[in-house]
All heavy atoms as atom14 arrays in JSON, in Angstrom:
{
  "sequence": "SGYTSARLKSENLYEFTYGRVEVRAKLPAATGTWPAIWSLGAD",
  "atom14_mask": [
    [1, 1, 1, 1, 1, 1, 0, 0, 0, 0, 0, 0, 0, 0],
    [1, 1, 1, 1, 0, 0, 0, 0, 0, 0, 0, 0, 0, 0],
    [1, 1, 1, 1, 1, 1, 1, 1, 1, 1, 1, 1, 0, 0],
    [1, 1, 1, 1, 1, 1, 1, 0, 0, 0, 0, 0, 0, 0],
    [1, 1, 1, 1, 1, 1, 0, 0, 0, 0, 0, 0, 0, 0],
    [1, 1, 1, 1, 1, 0, 0, 0, 0, 0, 0, 0, 0, 0],
    [1, 1, 1, 1, 1, 1, 1, 1, 1, 1, 1, 0, 0, 0],
    [1, 1, 1, 1, 1, 1, 1, 1, 0, 0, 0, 0, 0, 0],
    [1, 1, 1, 1, 1, 1, 1, 1, 1, 0, 0, 0, 0, 0],
    [1, 1, 1, 1, 1, 1, 0, 0, 0, 0, 0, 0, 0, 0],
    [1, 1, 1, 1, 1, 1, 1, 1, 1, 0, 0, 0, 0, 0],
    [1, 1, 1, 1, 1, 1, 1, 1, 0, 0, 0, 0, 0, 0],
    [1, 1, 1, 1, 1, 1, 1, 1, 0, 0, 0, 0, 0, 0],
    [1, 1, 1, 1, 1, 1, 1, 1, 1, 1, 1, 1, 0, 0],
    [1, 1, 1, 1, 1, 1, 1, 1, 1, 0, 0, 0, 0, 0],
    [1, 1, 1, 1, 1, 1, 1, 1, 1, 1, 1, 0, 0, 0],
    [1, 1, 1, 1, 1, 1, 1, 0, 0, 0, 0, 0, 0, 0],
    [1, 1, 1, 1, 1, 1, 1, 1, 1, 1, 1, 1, 0, 0],
    [1, 1, 1, 1, 0, 0, 0, 0, 0, 0, 0, 0, 0, 0],
    [1, 1, 1, 1, 1, 1, 1, 1, 1, 1, 1, 0, 0, 0],
    [1, 1, 1, 1, 1, 1, 1, 0, 0, 0, 0, 0, 0, 0],
    [1, 1, 1, 1, 1, 1, 1, 1, 1, 0, 0, 0, 0, 0],
    [1, 1, 1, 1, 1, 1, 1, 0, 0, 0, 0, 0, 0, 0],
    [1, 1, 1, 1, 1, 1, 1, 1, 1, 1, 1, 0, 0, 0],
    [1, 1, 1, 1, 1, 0, 0, 0, 0, 0, 0, 0, 0, 0],
    [1, 1, 1, 1, 1, 1, 1, 1, 1, 0, 0, 0, 0, 0],
    [1, 1, 1, 1, 1, 1, 1, 1, 0, 0, 0, 0, 0, 0],
    [1, 1, 1, 1, 1, 1, 1, 0, 0, 0, 0, 0, 0, 0],
    [1, 1, 1, 1, 1, 0, 0, 0, 0, 0, 0, 0, 0, 0],
    [1, 1, 1, 1, 1, 0, 0, 0, 0, 0, 0, 0, 0, 0],
    [1, 1, 1, 1, 1, 1, 1, 0, 0, 0, 0, 0, 0, 0],
    [1, 1, 1, 1, 0, 0, 0, 0, 0, 0, 0, 0, 0, 0],
    [1, 1, 1, 1, 1, 1, 1, 0, 0, 0, 0, 0, 0, 0],
    [1, 1, 1, 1, 1, 1, 1, 1, 1, 1, 1, 1, 1, 1],
    [1, 1, 1, 1, 1, 1, 1, 0, 0, 0, 0, 0, 0, 0],
    [1, 1, 1, 1, 1, 0, 0, 0, 0, 0, 0, 0, 0, 0],
    [1, 1, 1, 1, 1, 1, 1, 1, 0, 0, 0, 0, 0, 0],
    [1, 1, 1, 1, 1, 1, 1, 1, 1, 1, 1, 1, 1, 1],
    [1, 1, 1, 1, 1, 1, 0, 0, 0, 0, 0, 0, 0, 0],
    [1, 1, 1, 1, 1, 1, 1, 1, 0, 0, 0, 0, 0, 0],
    [1, 1, 1, 1, 0, 0, 0, 0, 0, 0, 0, 0, 0, 0],
    [1, 1, 1, 1, 1, 0, 0, 0, 0, 0, 0, 0, 0, 0],
    [1, 1, 1, 1, 1, 1, 1, 1, 0, 0, 0, 0, 0, 0]
  ],
  "atom14_positions": [
    [[0.82, -1.14, 0.0], [0.02, 0.0, 0.01], [0.84, 1.31, -0.01], [0.3, 2.34, 0.06], [-0.92, -0.02, 1.2], [-0.16, -0.04, 2.43], [0.0, 0.0, 0.0], [0.0, 0.0, 0.0], [0.0, 0.0, 0.0], [0.0, 0.0, 0.0], [0.0, 0.0, 0.0], [0.0, 0.0, 0.0], [0.0, 0.0, 0.0], [0.0, 0.0, 0.0]],
    [[2.19, 1.1, -0.01], [3.07, 2.32, 0.02], [4.01, 2.23, -1.11], [3.94, 1.57, -2.14], [0.0, 0.0, 0.0], [0.0, 0.0, 0.0], [0.0, 0.0, 0.0], [0.0, 0.0, 0.0], [0.0, 0.0, 0.0], [0.0, 0.0, 0.0], [0.0, 0.0, 0.0], [0.0, 0.0, 0.0], [0.0, 0.0, 0.0], [0.0, 0.0, 0.0]],
    [[5.2, 2.95, -0.85], [6.2, 3.07, -1.9], [7.6, 3.12, -1.21], [7.74, 3.46, -0.07], [6.03, 4.38, -2.7], [4.65, 4.5, -3.2], [3.71, 5.25, -2.45], [4.31, 3.98, -4.45], [2.4, 5.45, -2.95], [3.0, 4.21, -4.92], [2.05, 4.93, -4.2], [0.82, 5.11, -4.64], [0.0, 0.0, 0.0], [0.0, 0.0, 0.0]],
    [[8.58, 2.63, -1.99], [9.97, 2.73, -1.52], [10.79, 3.57, -2.54], [10.36, 3.58, -3.75], [10.64, 1.42, -1.23], [10.65, 0.68, -2.51], [9.87, 0.63, -0.21], [0.0, 0.0, 0.0], [0.0, 0.0, 0.0], [0.0, 0.0, 0.0], [0.0, 0.0, 0.0], [0.0, 0.0, 0.0], [0.0, 0.0, 0.0], [0.0, 0.0, 0.0]],
    [[11.85, 4.16, -2.06], [12.63, 4.99, -3.01], [14.0, 5.15, -2.28], [14.29, 4.54, -1.28], [12.01, 6.27, -3.36], [12.78, 6.93, -4.36], [0.0, 0.0, 0.0], [0.0, 0.0, 0.0], [0.0, 0.0, 0.0], [0.0, 0.0, 0.0], [0.0, 0.0, 0.0], [0.0, 0.0, 0.0], [0.0, 0.0, 0.0], [0.0, 0.0, 0.0]],
    [[14.83, 6.08, -2.81], [16.19, 6.3, -2.15], [16.48, 7.83, -2.28], [16.03, 8.58, -3.09], [17.22, 5.52, -2.94], [0.0, 0.0, 0.0], [0.0, 0.0, 0.0], [0.0, 0.0, 0.0], [0.0, 0.0, 0.0], [0.0, 0.0, 0.0], [0.0, 0.0, 0.0], [0.0, 0.0, 0.0], [0.0, 0.0, 0.0], [0.0, 0.0, 0.0]],
    [[17.29, 8.22, -1.24], [17.74, 9.59, -1.16], [19.17, 9.62, -0.74], [19.6, 9.26, 0.36], [16.81, 10.37, -0.1], [17.33, 11.74, 0.2], [16.14, 12.57, 0.78], [16.49, 13.45, 1.84], [15.75, 14.38, 2.35], [14.55, 14.58, 1.89], [16.14, 15.19, 3.35], [0.0, 0.0, 0.0], [0.0, 0.0, 0.0], [0.0, 0.0, 0.0]],
    [[20.08, 10.06, -1.71], [21.48, 10.05, -1.54], [21.92, 11.44, -1.19], [21.34, 12.43, -1.61], [22.21, 9.51, -2.76], [22.23, 8.11, -3.16], [20.88, 7.71, -3.65], [23.32, 7.81, -4.21], [0.0, 0.0, 0.0], [0.0, 0.0, 0.0], [0.0, 0.0, 0.0], [0.0, 0.0, 0.0], [0.0, 0.0, 0.0], [0.0, 0.0, 0.0]],
    [[23.01, 11.54, -0.38], [23.53, 12.85, -0.05], [24.99, 12.71, 0.18], [25.58, 11.66, 0.46], [22.85, 13.35, 1.29], [23.03, 12.44, 2.5], [22.26, 13.01, 3.68], [22.51, 12.11, 4.89], [21.83, 12.59, 6.1], [0.0, 0.0, 0.0], [0.0, 0.0, 0.0], [0.0, 0.0, 0.0], [0.0, 0.0, 0.0], [0.0, 0.0, 0.0]],
    [[25.69, 13.88, -0.02], [27.18, 13.94, 0.18], [27.51, 14.47, 1.57], [28.67, 14.86, 1.72], [27.82, 14.74, -0.91], [27.5, 16.09, -0.88], [0.0, 0.0, 0.0], [0.0, 0.0, 0.0], [0.0, 0.0, 0.0], [0.0, 0.0, 0.0], [0.0, 0.0, 0.0], [0.0, 0.0, 0.0], [0.0, 0.0, 0.0], [0.0, 0.0, 0.0]],
    [[26.59, 14.6, 2.45], [26.86, 15.19, 3.76], [28.11, 14.51, 4.49], [28.15, 13.31, 4.53], [25.58, 14.99, 4.67], [25.78, 15.65, 6.03], [24.49, 15.48, 6.86], [23.62, 14.65, 6.46], [24.41, 16.14, 7.93], [0.0, 0.0, 0.0], [0.0, 0.0, 0.0], [0.0, 0.0, 0.0], [0.0, 0.0, 0.0], [0.0, 0.0, 0.0]],
    [[28.98, 15.33, 4.98], [30.21, 14.96, 5.61], [31.22, 14.19, 4.78], [32.29, 13.89, 5.23], [29.89, 14.09, 6.85], [29.08, 14.78, 7.96], [29.33, 16.01, 8.18], [28.09, 14.11, 8.59], [0.0, 0.0, 0.0], [0.0, 0.0, 0.0], [0.0, 0.0, 0.0], [0.0, 0.0, 0.0], [0.0, 0.0, 0.0], [0.0, 0.0, 0.0]],
    [[30.85, 14.07, 3.55], [31.76, 13.46, 2.58], [32.32, 14.5, 1.55], [33.5, 14.54, 1.18], [31.12, 12.33, 1.82], [30.64, 11.16, 2.73], [29.82, 10.23, 1.89], [31.83, 10.48, 3.38], [0.0, 0.0, 0.0], [0.0, 0.0, 0.0], [0.0, 0.0, 0.0], [0.0, 0.0, 0.0], [0.0, 0.0, 0.0], [0.0, 0.0, 0.0]],
    [[31.41, 15.27, 1.0], [31.83, 16.44, 0.15], [30.85, 17.58, 0.41], [29.62, 17.5, 0.24], [31.8, 16.08, -1.34], [32.2, 17.21, -2.15], [33.49, 17.66, -2.28], [31.26, 17.94, -2.87], [33.92, 18.77, -3.02], [31.61, 19.04, -3.7], [32.95, 19.47, -3.7], [33.31, 20.56, -4.44], [0.0, 0.0, 0.0], [0.0, 0.0, 0.0]],
    [[31.4, 18.64, 0.94], [30.66, 19.87, 1.17], [31.46, 21.05, 0.59], [32.74, 20.99, 0.7], [30.41, 20.08, 2.72], [29.57, 18.92, 3.31], [29.43, 18.96, 4.85], [30.11, 19.77, 5.4], [28.64, 18.14, 5.32], [0.0, 0.0, 0.0], [0.0, 0.0, 0.0], [0.0, 0.0, 0.0], [0.0, 0.0, 0.0], [0.0, 0.0, 0.0]],
    [[30.8, 22.08, 0.11], [31.56, 23.1, -0.59], [30.83, 24.46, -0.44], [29.6, 24.47, -0.19], [31.64, 22.76, -2.08], [30.32, 22.68, -2.8], [29.98, 23.66, -3.65], [29.44, 21.61, -2.6], [28.84, 23.66, -4.28], [28.24, 21.57, -3.32], [27.88, 22.61, -4.14], [0.0, 0.0, 0.0], [0.0, 0.0, 0.0], [0.0, 0.0, 0.0]],
    [[31.55, 25.44, -0.63], [31.06, 26.86, -0.74], [31.43, 27.44, -2.08], [32.6, 27.58, -2.35], [31.68, 27.71, 0.47], [31.35, 27.14, 1.76], [31.06, 29.13, 0.42], [0.0, 0.0, 0.0], [0.0, 0.0, 0.0], [0.0, 0.0, 0.0], [0.0, 0.0, 0.0], [0.0, 0.0, 0.0], [0.0, 0.0, 0.0], [0.0, 0.0, 0.0]],
    [[30.44, 27.82, -2.8], [30.61, 28.41, -4.19], [31.19, 27.42, -5.15], [31.93, 26.52, -4.86], [31.45, 29.74, -4.13], [31.09, 30.71, -3.12], [31.95, 31.32, -2.3], [29.68, 31.09, -2.97], [31.59, 32.27, -1.32], [29.34, 32.08, -2.0], [30.24, 32.65, -1.26], [29.95, 33.57, -0.33], [0.0, 0.0, 0.0], [0.0, 0.0, 0.0]],
    [[30.7, 27.62, -6.38], [31.17, 26.71, -7.46], [30.0, 26.52, -8.43], [28.95, 27.01, -8.31], [0.0, 0.0, 0.0], [0.0, 0.0, 0.0], [0.0, 0.0, 0.0], [0.0, 0.0, 0.0], [0.0, 0.0, 0.0], [0.0, 0.0, 0.0], [0.0, 0.0, 0.0], [0.0, 0.0, 0.0], [0.0, 0.0, 0.0], [0.0, 0.0, 0.0]],
    [[30.32, 25.66, -9.37], [29.29, 25.22, -10.44], [29.04, 23.78, -10.31], [29.88, 22.88, -10.42], [29.86, 25.56, -11.88], [28.93, 25.07, -12.95], [29.25, 25.72, -14.27], [30.56, 25.56, -14.72], [31.07, 24.54, -15.44], [30.23, 23.6, -15.94], [32.39, 24.47, -15.79], [0.0, 0.0, 0.0], [0.0, 0.0, 0.0], [0.0, 0.0, 0.0]],
    [[27.72, 23.46, -10.09], [27.32, 22.04, -9.98], [26.6, 21.71, -11.34], [25.74, 22.42, -11.74], [26.33, 21.86, -8.77], [25.9, 20.41, -8.8], [26.93, 22.34, -7.47], [0.0, 0.0, 0.0], [0.0, 0.0, 0.0], [0.0, 0.0, 0.0], [0.0, 0.0, 0.0], [0.0, 0.0, 0.0], [0.0, 0.0, 0.0], [0.0, 0.0, 0.0]],
    [[27.03, 20.59, -11.9], [26.42, 20.14, -13.1], [26.02, 18.62, -12.96], [26.88, 17.86, -12.62], [27.39, 20.33, -14.36], [26.75, 19.96, -15.67], [27.65, 20.26, -16.85], [27.93, 21.45, -17.03], [28.09, 19.37, -17.46], [0.0, 0.0, 0.0], [0.0, 0.0, 0.0], [0.0, 0.0, 0.0], [0.0, 0.0, 0.0], [0.0, 0.0, 0.0]],
    [[24.75, 18.41, -13.19], [24.23, 16.99, -13.12], [23.52, 16.7, -14.39], [22.58, 17.43, -14.82], [23.24, 16.9, -11.92], [22.74, 15.47, -11.79], [23.93, 17.29, -10.61], [0.0, 0.0, 0.0], [0.0, 0.0, 0.0], [0.0, 0.0, 0.0], [0.0, 0.0, 0.0], [0.0, 0.0, 0.0], [0.0, 0.0, 0.0], [0.0, 0.0, 0.0]],
    [[23.85, 15.57, -14.99], [23.23, 15.2, -16.25], [22.27, 14.05, -15.91], [22.71, 12.98, -15.34], [24.27, 14.76, -17.28], [23.63, 14.24, -18.61], [24.65, 14.25, -19.77], [24.14, 13.91, -21.03], [23.48, 14.7, -21.86], [23.36, 15.97, -21.52], [22.96, 14.25, -23.0], [0.0, 0.0, 0.0], [0.0, 0.0, 0.0], [0.0, 0.0, 0.0]],
    [[20.98, 14.23, -16.23], [19.95, 13.26, -15.73], [18.84, 13.2, -16.65], [18.52, 14.05, -17.44], [19.5, 13.72, -14.3], [0.0, 0.0, 0.0], [0.0, 0.0, 0.0], [0.0, 0.0, 0.0], [0.0, 0.0, 0.0], [0.0, 0.0, 0.0], [0.0, 0.0, 0.0], [0.0, 0.0, 0.0], [0.0, 0.0, 0.0], [0.0, 0.0, 0.0]],
    [[18.13, 11.96, -16.5], [16.87, 11.8, -17.18], [15.8, 11.53, -16.06], [16.09, 10.64, -15.15], [16.91, 10.61, -18.17], [15.62, 10.35, -18.93], [15.81, 9.31, -20.02], [16.04, 7.95, -19.49], [16.11, 6.91, -20.51], [0.0, 0.0, 0.0], [0.0, 0.0, 0.0], [0.0, 0.0, 0.0], [0.0, 0.0, 0.0], [0.0, 0.0, 0.0]],
    [[14.61, 12.08, -16.14], [13.71, 12.11, -15.01], [12.56, 11.07, -15.17], [12.35, 10.64, -16.31], [13.14, 13.43, -14.92], [14.06, 14.65, -14.87], [13.27, 15.95, -14.63], [15.15, 14.45, -13.77], [0.0, 0.0, 0.0], [0.0, 0.0, 0.0], [0.0, 0.0, 0.0], [0.0, 0.0, 0.0], [0.0, 0.0, 0.0], [0.0, 0.0, 0.0]],
    [[12.01, 10.61, -14.12], [10.92, 9.62, -14.19], [9.66, 10.26, -14.79], [9.43, 11.41, -14.62], [10.62, 9.27, -12.73], [11.1, 10.4, -11.98], [12.34, 10.96, -12.71], [0.0, 0.0, 0.0], [0.0, 0.0, 0.0], [0.0, 0.0, 0.0], [0.0, 0.0, 0.0], [0.0, 0.0, 0.0], [0.0, 0.0, 0.0], [0.0, 0.0, 0.0]],
    [[8.88, 9.41, -15.58], [7.8, 9.94, -16.27], [6.45, 9.7, -15.62], [5.46, 10.3, -15.89], [7.71, 9.23, -17.63], [0.0, 0.0, 0.0], [0.0, 0.0, 0.0], [0.0, 0.0, 0.0], [0.0, 0.0, 0.0], [0.0, 0.0, 0.0], [0.0, 0.0, 0.0], [0.0, 0.0, 0.0], [0.0, 0.0, 0.0], [0.0, 0.0, 0.0]],
    [[6.42, 8.85, -14.57], [5.13, 8.55, -13.92], [4.55, 9.64, -13.18], [5.22, 10.36, -12.53], [5.32, 7.28, -12.98], [0.0, 0.0, 0.0], [0.0, 0.0, 0.0], [0.0, 0.0, 0.0], [0.0, 0.0, 0.0], [0.0, 0.0, 0.0], [0.0, 0.0, 0.0], [0.0, 0.0, 0.0], [0.0, 0.0, 0.0], [0.0, 0.0, 0.0]],
    [[3.21, 9.76, -13.3], [2.5, 10.83, -12.54], [2.61, 10.53, -11.03], [2.46, 9.41, -10.55], [0.97, 10.8, -12.94], [0.94, 11.08, -14.39], [0.23, 11.81, -12.2], [0.0, 0.0, 0.0], [0.0, 0.0, 0.0], [0.0, 0.0, 0.0], [0.0, 0.0, 0.0], [0.0, 0.0, 0.0], [0.0, 0.0, 0.0], [0.0, 0.0, 0.0]],
    [[2.95, 11.57, -10.31], [3.04, 11.49, -8.9], [4.46, 11.36, -8.39], [4.72, 11.44, -7.13], [0.0, 0.0, 0.0], [0.0, 0.0, 0.0], [0.0, 0.0, 0.0], [0.0, 0.0, 0.0], [0.0, 0.0, 0.0], [0.0, 0.0, 0.0], [0.0, 0.0, 0.0], [0.0, 0.0, 0.0], [0.0, 0.0, 0.0], [0.0, 0.0, 0.0]],
    [[5.39, 11.11, -9.28], [6.85, 11.09, -8.87], [7.35, 12.58, -8.77], [6.96, 13.42, -9.58], [7.72, 10.34, -9.89], [7.56, 10.92, -11.23], [7.27, 8.83, -9.98], [0.0, 0.0, 0.0], [0.0, 0.0, 0.0], [0.0, 0.0, 0.0], [0.0, 0.0, 0.0], [0.0, 0.0, 0.0], [0.0, 0.0, 0.0], [0.0, 0.0, 0.0]],
    [[8.23, 12.74, -7.86], [8.76, 14.04, -7.53], [10.25, 13.99, -7.46], [10.87, 13.84, -6.34], [8.13, 14.56, -6.27], [8.73, 15.9, -5.64], [9.65, 16.7, -6.17], [8.33, 16.45, -4.41], [9.85, 17.8, -5.37], [9.11, 17.62, -4.3], [7.5, 16.06, -3.31], [9.0, 18.46, -3.12], [7.44, 16.82, -2.29], [8.09, 18.11, -2.13]],
    [[10.98, 14.02, -8.58], [12.46, 13.9, -8.51], [13.1, 15.24, -8.17], [12.53, 16.33, -8.34], [12.79, 13.67, -10.01], [11.73, 14.26, -10.83], [10.42, 14.12, -9.94], [0.0, 0.0, 0.0], [0.0, 0.0, 0.0], [0.0, 0.0, 0.0], [0.0, 0.0, 0.0], [0.0, 0.0, 0.0], [0.0, 0.0, 0.0], [0.0, 0.0, 0.0]],
    [[14.2, 15.22, -7.47], [14.89, 16.45, -7.03], [16.42, 16.29, -6.99], [16.87, 15.2, -6.64], [14.41, 16.9, -5.67], [0.0, 0.0, 0.0], [0.0, 0.0, 0.0], [0.0, 0.0, 0.0], [0.0, 0.0, 0.0], [0.0, 0.0, 0.0], [0.0, 0.0, 0.0], [0.0, 0.0, 0.0], [0.0, 0.0, 0.0], [0.0, 0.0, 0.0]],
    [[17.08, 17.23, -7.37], [18.59, 17.4, -7.31], [18.81, 18.74, -6.64], [18.47, 19.84, -7.17], [19.29, 17.41, -8.64], [18.91, 16.06, -9.44], [20.77, 17.59, -8.57], [19.29, 16.15, -10.95], [0.0, 0.0, 0.0], [0.0, 0.0, 0.0], [0.0, 0.0, 0.0], [0.0, 0.0, 0.0], [0.0, 0.0, 0.0], [0.0, 0.0, 0.0]],
    [[19.31, 18.62, -5.39], [19.36, 19.87, -4.6], [20.49, 19.93, -3.64], [21.38, 18.98, -3.64], [18.07, 20.08, -3.89], [17.51, 18.93, -3.12], [17.11, 17.71, -3.5], [17.21, 18.89, -1.7], [16.69, 16.89, -2.51], [16.71, 17.63, -1.35], [17.37, 19.86, -0.63], [16.35, 17.24, -0.08], [16.98, 19.46, 0.61], [16.47, 18.25, 0.92]],
    [[20.54, 21.04, -2.87], [21.65, 21.11, -1.9], [21.07, 21.84, -0.53], [20.16, 22.61, -0.64], [22.79, 21.97, -2.41], [22.34, 23.22, -2.81], [0.0, 0.0, 0.0], [0.0, 0.0, 0.0], [0.0, 0.0, 0.0], [0.0, 0.0, 0.0], [0.0, 0.0, 0.0], [0.0, 0.0, 0.0], [0.0, 0.0, 0.0], [0.0, 0.0, 0.0]],
    [[21.68, 21.45, 0.55], [21.16, 21.88, 1.78], [22.4, 22.45, 2.7], [23.52, 21.93, 2.54], [20.55, 20.79, 2.57], [19.85, 21.09, 3.91], [18.57, 22.01, 3.63], [19.44, 19.81, 4.67], [0.0, 0.0, 0.0], [0.0, 0.0, 0.0], [0.0, 0.0, 0.0], [0.0, 0.0, 0.0], [0.0, 0.0, 0.0], [0.0, 0.0, 0.0]],
    [[22.14, 23.46, 3.37], [23.19, 24.05, 4.21], [23.71, 23.07, 5.23], [22.94, 22.37, 6.01], [0.0, 0.0, 0.0], [0.0, 0.0, 0.0], [0.0, 0.0, 0.0], [0.0, 0.0, 0.0], [0.0, 0.0, 0.0], [0.0, 0.0, 0.0], [0.0, 0.0, 0.0], [0.0, 0.0, 0.0], [0.0, 0.0, 0.0], [0.0, 0.0, 0.0]],
    [[25.0, 22.9, 5.34], [25.63, 21.88, 6.16], [25.35, 22.12, 7.67], [25.48, 21.19, 8.45], [27.1, 21.78, 5.83], [0.0, 0.0, 0.0], [0.0, 0.0, 0.0], [0.0, 0.0, 0.0], [0.0, 0.0, 0.0], [0.0, 0.0, 0.0], [0.0, 0.0, 0.0], [0.0, 0.0, 0.0], [0.0, 0.0, 0.0], [0.0, 0.0, 0.0]],
    [[24.99, 23.3, 8.07], [24.7, 23.54, 9.46], [23.24, 23.4, 9.84], [22.76, 23.96, 10.82], [25.16, 24.97, 9.76], [24.41, 26.03, 9.01], [23.68, 25.75, 8.05], [24.52, 27.29, 9.37], [0.0, 0.0, 0.0], [0.0, 0.0, 0.0], [0.0, 0.0, 0.0], [0.0, 0.0, 0.0], [0.0, 0.0, 0.0], [0.0, 0.0, 0.0]]
  ]
}
């Protein structure tokens, strides 16, 4: 009755201030999927 998925992060492995991030990706087509490529403040 539910769903499983994955959420990867570089926390404590690679953190940075300023730069250019480039990600080459193809996104899911199914209605209701919410793909995201993002960054969060390390603090």
